[in-house]
N, C-alpha and C. Protein backbone atom coordinates (compact mmCIF):
# COMPACT_ATOMS: atom_id res chain seq x y z
N MET A 1 0.85 -1.18 0.00
CA MET A 1 0.00 0.00 0.00
C MET A 1 0.89 1.24 0.00
N ILE A 2 0.54 2.21 -0.81
CA ILE A 2 1.28 3.47 -0.90
C ILE A 2 0.85 4.36 0.25
N GLU A 3 1.83 5.00 0.88
CA GLU A 3 1.52 5.85 2.01
C GLU A 3 0.56 6.97 1.60
N GLY A 4 -0.47 7.17 2.40
CA GLY A 4 -1.45 8.22 2.13
C GLY A 4 -2.56 7.79 1.18
N HIS A 5 -2.47 6.57 0.68
CA HIS A 5 -3.50 6.08 -0.24
C HIS A 5 -4.12 4.82 0.34
N SER A 6 -5.38 4.66 0.15
CA SER A 6 -6.04 3.44 0.60
C SER A 6 -6.00 2.44 -0.54
N GLU A 7 -6.43 1.25 -0.27
CA GLU A 7 -6.46 0.20 -1.29
C GLU A 7 -7.72 0.29 -2.14
N ARG A 8 -8.53 1.31 -1.90
CA ARG A 8 -9.74 1.50 -2.71
C ARG A 8 -9.36 1.87 -4.13
N GLU A 9 -10.32 1.72 -5.02
CA GLU A 9 -10.10 2.06 -6.42
C GLU A 9 -9.89 3.56 -6.57
N ALA A 10 -9.26 3.92 -7.67
CA ALA A 10 -9.05 5.34 -7.98
C ALA A 10 -10.40 6.02 -8.18
N PRO A 11 -10.47 7.32 -7.89
CA PRO A 11 -11.75 8.03 -8.08
C PRO A 11 -12.15 8.03 -9.55
N GLU A 12 -13.44 8.12 -9.77
CA GLU A 12 -13.97 8.17 -11.13
C GLU A 12 -13.47 9.43 -11.83
N PRO A 13 -13.17 9.34 -13.12
CA PRO A 13 -12.75 10.54 -13.84
C PRO A 13 -13.90 11.52 -13.97
N GLY A 14 -13.57 12.78 -14.13
CA GLY A 14 -14.60 13.80 -14.34
C GLY A 14 -15.15 13.70 -15.75
N PRO A 15 -16.16 14.49 -16.04
CA PRO A 15 -16.75 14.44 -17.38
C PRO A 15 -15.78 14.93 -18.45
N SER A 16 -15.89 14.35 -19.63
CA SER A 16 -15.06 14.77 -20.76
C SER A 16 -15.57 16.11 -21.30
N ALA A 17 -14.79 16.73 -22.15
CA ALA A 17 -15.20 18.00 -22.77
C ALA A 17 -16.48 17.82 -23.56
N HIS A 18 -16.61 16.69 -24.26
CA HIS A 18 -17.82 16.42 -25.05
C HIS A 18 -19.03 16.26 -24.13
N GLU A 19 -18.86 15.54 -23.03
CA GLU A 19 -19.96 15.35 -22.08
C GLU A 19 -20.42 16.69 -21.50
N ILE A 20 -19.48 17.56 -21.20
CA ILE A 20 -19.82 18.89 -20.68
C ILE A 20 -20.56 19.70 -21.73
N LEU A 21 -20.10 19.64 -22.97
CA LEU A 21 -20.75 20.35 -24.06
C LEU A 21 -22.19 19.88 -24.24
N VAL A 22 -22.39 18.58 -24.19
CA VAL A 22 -23.74 18.01 -24.32
C VAL A 22 -24.61 18.47 -23.16
N ARG A 23 -24.07 18.40 -21.93
CA ARG A 23 -24.84 18.84 -20.75
C ARG A 23 -25.26 20.30 -20.89
N ARG A 24 -24.33 21.14 -21.29
CA ARG A 24 -24.64 22.58 -21.42
C ARG A 24 -25.70 22.84 -22.48
N ALA A 25 -25.62 22.14 -23.60
CA ALA A 25 -26.62 22.32 -24.67
C ALA A 25 -27.99 21.88 -24.19
N ALA A 26 -28.06 20.72 -23.53
CA ALA A 26 -29.34 20.22 -23.04
C ALA A 26 -29.90 21.14 -21.96
N GLU A 27 -29.06 21.57 -21.04
CA GLU A 27 -29.51 22.48 -19.97
C GLU A 27 -29.99 23.81 -20.54
N ALA A 28 -29.28 24.35 -21.50
CA ALA A 28 -29.66 25.65 -22.08
C ALA A 28 -31.03 25.57 -22.73
N ALA A 29 -31.26 24.53 -23.51
CA ALA A 29 -32.55 24.38 -24.19
C ALA A 29 -33.68 24.18 -23.19
N VAL A 30 -33.47 23.32 -22.21
CA VAL A 30 -34.50 23.03 -21.22
C VAL A 30 -34.78 24.25 -20.34
N ALA A 31 -33.73 24.95 -19.92
CA ALA A 31 -33.91 26.14 -19.08
C ALA A 31 -34.74 27.19 -19.79
N LEU A 32 -34.50 27.36 -21.07
CA LEU A 32 -35.24 28.35 -21.85
C LEU A 32 -36.71 27.96 -21.99
N VAL A 33 -36.97 26.74 -22.36
CA VAL A 33 -38.35 26.29 -22.61
C VAL A 33 -39.16 26.21 -21.32
N PHE A 34 -38.55 25.70 -20.25
CA PHE A 34 -39.29 25.51 -19.00
C PHE A 34 -39.09 26.64 -18.00
N GLU A 35 -38.37 27.69 -18.43
CA GLU A 35 -38.14 28.88 -17.60
C GLU A 35 -37.60 28.52 -16.22
N VAL A 36 -36.54 27.71 -16.24
CA VAL A 36 -35.86 27.30 -15.01
C VAL A 36 -34.46 27.89 -15.03
N ASP A 37 -34.02 28.41 -13.90
CA ASP A 37 -32.69 28.99 -13.79
C ASP A 37 -31.63 27.91 -13.99
N MET A 38 -30.60 28.22 -14.77
CA MET A 38 -29.52 27.26 -15.02
C MET A 38 -28.87 26.79 -13.72
N ASP A 39 -28.71 27.69 -12.76
CA ASP A 39 -28.11 27.30 -11.49
C ASP A 39 -28.96 26.26 -10.76
N ALA A 40 -30.28 26.37 -10.89
CA ALA A 40 -31.18 25.40 -10.25
C ALA A 40 -31.02 24.02 -10.86
N LEU A 41 -30.67 23.96 -12.14
CA LEU A 41 -30.46 22.67 -12.80
C LEU A 41 -29.18 22.00 -12.32
N ARG A 42 -28.23 22.78 -11.84
CA ARG A 42 -26.91 22.25 -11.52
C ARG A 42 -26.68 21.99 -10.03
N VAL A 43 -27.68 22.17 -9.20
CA VAL A 43 -27.48 21.93 -7.77
C VAL A 43 -27.23 20.44 -7.52
N ALA A 44 -26.45 20.17 -6.49
CA ALA A 44 -26.10 18.78 -6.17
C ALA A 44 -27.29 18.02 -5.58
N THR A 45 -28.21 18.74 -4.96
CA THR A 45 -29.39 18.10 -4.38
C THR A 45 -30.52 18.09 -5.40
N ARG A 46 -31.63 17.48 -5.03
CA ARG A 46 -32.77 17.40 -5.95
C ARG A 46 -33.29 18.78 -6.29
N GLY A 47 -33.42 19.64 -5.29
CA GLY A 47 -33.92 20.99 -5.52
C GLY A 47 -35.42 21.02 -5.70
N PRO A 48 -35.96 22.17 -6.12
CA PRO A 48 -37.40 22.29 -6.34
C PRO A 48 -37.88 21.31 -7.42
N ALA A 49 -39.13 20.92 -7.33
CA ALA A 49 -39.69 19.94 -8.27
C ALA A 49 -39.54 20.37 -9.72
N GLU A 50 -39.74 21.67 -9.99
CA GLU A 50 -39.63 22.17 -11.36
C GLU A 50 -38.21 21.98 -11.90
N ALA A 51 -37.23 22.26 -11.05
CA ALA A 51 -35.83 22.11 -11.46
C ALA A 51 -35.47 20.64 -11.64
N ALA A 52 -35.95 19.80 -10.75
CA ALA A 52 -35.66 18.36 -10.85
C ALA A 52 -36.25 17.79 -12.14
N PHE A 53 -37.48 18.20 -12.47
CA PHE A 53 -38.13 17.72 -13.69
C PHE A 53 -37.37 18.21 -14.92
N ALA A 54 -36.97 19.47 -14.92
CA ALA A 54 -36.21 20.02 -16.04
C ALA A 54 -34.87 19.30 -16.19
N ARG A 55 -34.22 18.99 -15.07
CA ARG A 55 -32.95 18.26 -15.10
C ARG A 55 -33.16 16.86 -15.68
N GLN A 56 -34.27 16.21 -15.31
CA GLN A 56 -34.58 14.89 -15.87
C GLN A 56 -34.72 14.96 -17.39
N ILE A 57 -35.36 16.01 -17.87
CA ILE A 57 -35.51 16.18 -19.32
C ILE A 57 -34.14 16.39 -19.96
N ALA A 58 -33.31 17.22 -19.35
CA ALA A 58 -31.97 17.47 -19.90
C ALA A 58 -31.15 16.18 -19.95
N MET A 59 -31.24 15.37 -18.91
CA MET A 59 -30.52 14.09 -18.90
C MET A 59 -31.06 13.17 -19.99
N TYR A 60 -32.37 13.15 -20.15
CA TYR A 60 -33.00 12.34 -21.21
C TYR A 60 -32.48 12.77 -22.58
N LEU A 61 -32.44 14.06 -22.82
CA LEU A 61 -31.96 14.58 -24.10
C LEU A 61 -30.49 14.22 -24.34
N ALA A 62 -29.69 14.31 -23.30
CA ALA A 62 -28.27 13.96 -23.43
C ALA A 62 -28.11 12.49 -23.81
N HIS A 63 -28.97 11.65 -23.27
CA HIS A 63 -28.90 10.22 -23.57
C HIS A 63 -29.48 9.89 -24.94
N VAL A 64 -30.69 10.36 -25.20
CA VAL A 64 -31.41 9.97 -26.42
C VAL A 64 -30.91 10.71 -27.65
N VAL A 65 -30.80 12.02 -27.56
CA VAL A 65 -30.41 12.81 -28.73
C VAL A 65 -28.92 12.71 -29.00
N CYS A 66 -28.14 12.78 -27.94
CA CYS A 66 -26.69 12.87 -28.11
C CYS A 66 -25.99 11.53 -28.03
N GLY A 67 -26.72 10.51 -27.63
CA GLY A 67 -26.15 9.17 -27.62
C GLY A 67 -25.17 8.87 -26.51
N LEU A 68 -25.16 9.69 -25.46
CA LEU A 68 -24.29 9.39 -24.33
C LEU A 68 -24.85 8.19 -23.57
N SER A 69 -23.98 7.36 -23.05
CA SER A 69 -24.42 6.24 -22.22
C SER A 69 -24.99 6.79 -20.92
N LEU A 70 -25.70 5.97 -20.19
CA LEU A 70 -26.25 6.40 -18.89
C LEU A 70 -25.12 6.81 -17.95
N THR A 71 -24.01 6.08 -17.99
CA THR A 71 -22.86 6.41 -17.16
C THR A 71 -22.27 7.77 -17.55
N GLN A 72 -22.15 8.02 -18.84
CA GLN A 72 -21.62 9.31 -19.31
C GLN A 72 -22.55 10.46 -18.91
N VAL A 73 -23.85 10.27 -19.06
CA VAL A 73 -24.81 11.31 -18.66
C VAL A 73 -24.70 11.56 -17.17
N GLY A 74 -24.64 10.49 -16.38
CA GLY A 74 -24.49 10.63 -14.94
C GLY A 74 -23.25 11.42 -14.57
N ARG A 75 -22.15 11.10 -15.22
CA ARG A 75 -20.90 11.81 -14.96
C ARG A 75 -21.03 13.29 -15.32
N ALA A 76 -21.65 13.58 -16.46
CA ALA A 76 -21.81 14.97 -16.91
C ALA A 76 -22.69 15.78 -15.97
N PHE A 77 -23.73 15.14 -15.43
CA PHE A 77 -24.69 15.84 -14.58
C PHE A 77 -24.41 15.65 -13.08
N GLY A 78 -23.37 14.91 -12.75
CA GLY A 78 -23.06 14.67 -11.34
C GLY A 78 -24.08 13.79 -10.65
N ARG A 79 -24.61 12.82 -11.38
CA ARG A 79 -25.62 11.91 -10.86
C ARG A 79 -25.19 10.46 -11.12
N ASP A 80 -25.78 9.54 -10.39
CA ASP A 80 -25.53 8.12 -10.60
C ASP A 80 -26.25 7.66 -11.86
N ARG A 81 -25.71 6.64 -12.52
CA ARG A 81 -26.34 6.15 -13.75
C ARG A 81 -27.75 5.62 -13.50
N THR A 82 -28.01 5.10 -12.30
CA THR A 82 -29.37 4.61 -12.01
C THR A 82 -30.35 5.77 -11.90
N THR A 83 -29.88 6.91 -11.45
CA THR A 83 -30.72 8.12 -11.40
C THR A 83 -31.05 8.56 -12.82
N VAL A 84 -30.07 8.48 -13.71
CA VAL A 84 -30.28 8.84 -15.11
C VAL A 84 -31.27 7.87 -15.75
N ALA A 85 -31.12 6.59 -15.47
CA ALA A 85 -32.04 5.58 -16.03
C ALA A 85 -33.47 5.85 -15.57
N HIS A 86 -33.63 6.19 -14.29
CA HIS A 86 -34.96 6.50 -13.75
C HIS A 86 -35.53 7.74 -14.44
N ALA A 87 -34.71 8.77 -14.61
CA ALA A 87 -35.16 9.99 -15.29
C ALA A 87 -35.60 9.69 -16.71
N CYS A 88 -34.82 8.93 -17.44
CA CYS A 88 -35.15 8.60 -18.83
C CYS A 88 -36.45 7.81 -18.90
N SER A 89 -36.65 6.91 -17.97
CA SER A 89 -37.89 6.12 -17.94
C SER A 89 -39.10 7.02 -17.68
N LEU A 90 -38.97 7.93 -16.73
CA LEU A 90 -40.08 8.85 -16.42
C LEU A 90 -40.42 9.73 -17.62
N ILE A 91 -39.41 10.27 -18.27
CA ILE A 91 -39.65 11.16 -19.41
C ILE A 91 -40.24 10.37 -20.57
N GLU A 92 -39.72 9.20 -20.83
CA GLU A 92 -40.25 8.37 -21.92
C GLU A 92 -41.73 8.04 -21.68
N ASP A 93 -42.10 7.76 -20.45
CA ASP A 93 -43.50 7.48 -20.11
C ASP A 93 -44.40 8.68 -20.38
N ARG A 94 -43.88 9.89 -20.15
CA ARG A 94 -44.67 11.10 -20.37
C ARG A 94 -44.87 11.42 -21.84
N ARG A 95 -44.10 10.77 -22.72
CA ARG A 95 -44.21 11.05 -24.15
C ARG A 95 -45.55 10.60 -24.71
N ASP A 96 -46.32 9.85 -23.95
CA ASP A 96 -47.68 9.47 -24.37
C ASP A 96 -48.61 10.68 -24.39
N GLU A 97 -48.23 11.74 -23.67
CA GLU A 97 -49.00 12.98 -23.66
C GLU A 97 -48.60 13.79 -24.90
N ALA A 98 -49.56 14.06 -25.76
CA ALA A 98 -49.28 14.69 -27.06
C ALA A 98 -48.53 16.02 -26.92
N GLU A 99 -48.99 16.89 -26.03
CA GLU A 99 -48.35 18.21 -25.89
C GLU A 99 -46.91 18.07 -25.39
N PHE A 100 -46.71 17.20 -24.42
CA PHE A 100 -45.36 16.98 -23.89
C PHE A 100 -44.46 16.38 -24.96
N ASP A 101 -44.99 15.43 -25.72
CA ASP A 101 -44.22 14.81 -26.80
C ASP A 101 -43.79 15.85 -27.83
N CYS A 102 -44.70 16.75 -28.16
CA CYS A 102 -44.39 17.82 -29.12
C CYS A 102 -43.28 18.72 -28.59
N THR A 103 -43.36 19.08 -27.31
CA THR A 103 -42.33 19.90 -26.69
C THR A 103 -40.98 19.19 -26.74
N LEU A 104 -40.98 17.90 -26.41
CA LEU A 104 -39.73 17.15 -26.44
C LEU A 104 -39.16 17.04 -27.84
N THR A 105 -40.02 16.87 -28.82
CA THR A 105 -39.56 16.80 -30.21
C THR A 105 -38.85 18.09 -30.59
N HIS A 106 -39.42 19.23 -30.20
CA HIS A 106 -38.78 20.52 -30.47
C HIS A 106 -37.46 20.66 -29.71
N LEU A 107 -37.45 20.20 -28.46
CA LEU A 107 -36.22 20.26 -27.68
C LEU A 107 -35.13 19.38 -28.30
N GLU A 108 -35.51 18.21 -28.78
CA GLU A 108 -34.54 17.32 -29.43
C GLU A 108 -33.89 18.02 -30.62
N SER A 109 -34.71 18.68 -31.42
CA SER A 109 -34.19 19.41 -32.58
C SER A 109 -33.29 20.57 -32.15
N ALA A 110 -33.69 21.27 -31.10
CA ALA A 110 -32.91 22.41 -30.62
C ALA A 110 -31.55 21.97 -30.09
N VAL A 111 -31.52 20.90 -29.32
CA VAL A 111 -30.26 20.42 -28.77
C VAL A 111 -29.35 19.93 -29.89
N ALA A 112 -29.91 19.21 -30.84
CA ALA A 112 -29.12 18.74 -31.99
C ALA A 112 -28.53 19.92 -32.76
N ALA A 113 -29.33 20.96 -32.95
CA ALA A 113 -28.86 22.15 -33.67
C ALA A 113 -27.78 22.89 -32.88
N LEU A 114 -27.96 23.01 -31.57
CA LEU A 114 -26.94 23.66 -30.73
C LEU A 114 -25.61 22.92 -30.82
N LEU A 115 -25.68 21.61 -30.74
CA LEU A 115 -24.45 20.82 -30.81
C LEU A 115 -23.82 20.89 -32.19
N ASP A 116 -24.66 20.89 -33.21
CA ASP A 116 -24.15 20.98 -34.58
C ASP A 116 -23.44 22.31 -34.79
N ALA A 117 -23.99 23.37 -34.21
CA ALA A 117 -23.41 24.70 -34.37
C ALA A 117 -22.09 24.85 -33.62
N THR A 118 -21.88 24.04 -32.58
CA THR A 118 -20.66 24.16 -31.78
C THR A 118 -19.61 23.12 -32.13
N THR A 119 -19.92 22.23 -33.06
CA THR A 119 -18.97 21.19 -33.45
C THR A 119 -18.10 21.70 -34.59
N PRO A 120 -16.79 21.71 -34.38
CA PRO A 120 -15.90 22.17 -35.46
C PRO A 120 -16.03 21.26 -36.69
N ARG A 121 -15.98 21.86 -37.83
CA ARG A 121 -16.10 21.10 -39.08
C ARG A 121 -14.72 20.94 -39.71
N ARG A 122 -14.54 19.79 -40.32
CA ARG A 122 -13.30 19.55 -41.07
C ARG A 122 -13.42 20.19 -42.43
N ARG A 123 -12.35 20.79 -42.86
CA ARG A 123 -12.34 21.37 -44.20
C ARG A 123 -11.99 20.28 -45.20
N VAL A 124 -12.71 20.27 -46.28
CA VAL A 124 -12.43 19.31 -47.35
C VAL A 124 -11.55 20.01 -48.37
N ALA A 125 -10.43 19.40 -48.68
CA ALA A 125 -9.48 20.01 -49.63
C ALA A 125 -9.91 19.83 -51.05
């Protein structure tokens, strides 16, 4: 055993630059549509119900639209992957509501467009 270190595993790595970019795009779109403060989305605790619901939508978008794994979404949002799985399940169940489904469809397009606008393009010679 190395002095000052336990035999426990190394700490989990922080989110990658791509994971952070995805989180920010999802949070920005959701905060705008649901009129939730960005800081409320980023609190370590559950927070107010409106913020928790908006965060669940942002996590869902990061997973479904951006293709991040549940573990990657959890890392980006500072949540456990099981929390992300629960959020995705709740949001998917709400898609049976026509108005909510329409809102999510627009959010999916907005997040995809935000990410497309921030992704550097390769020049073709």
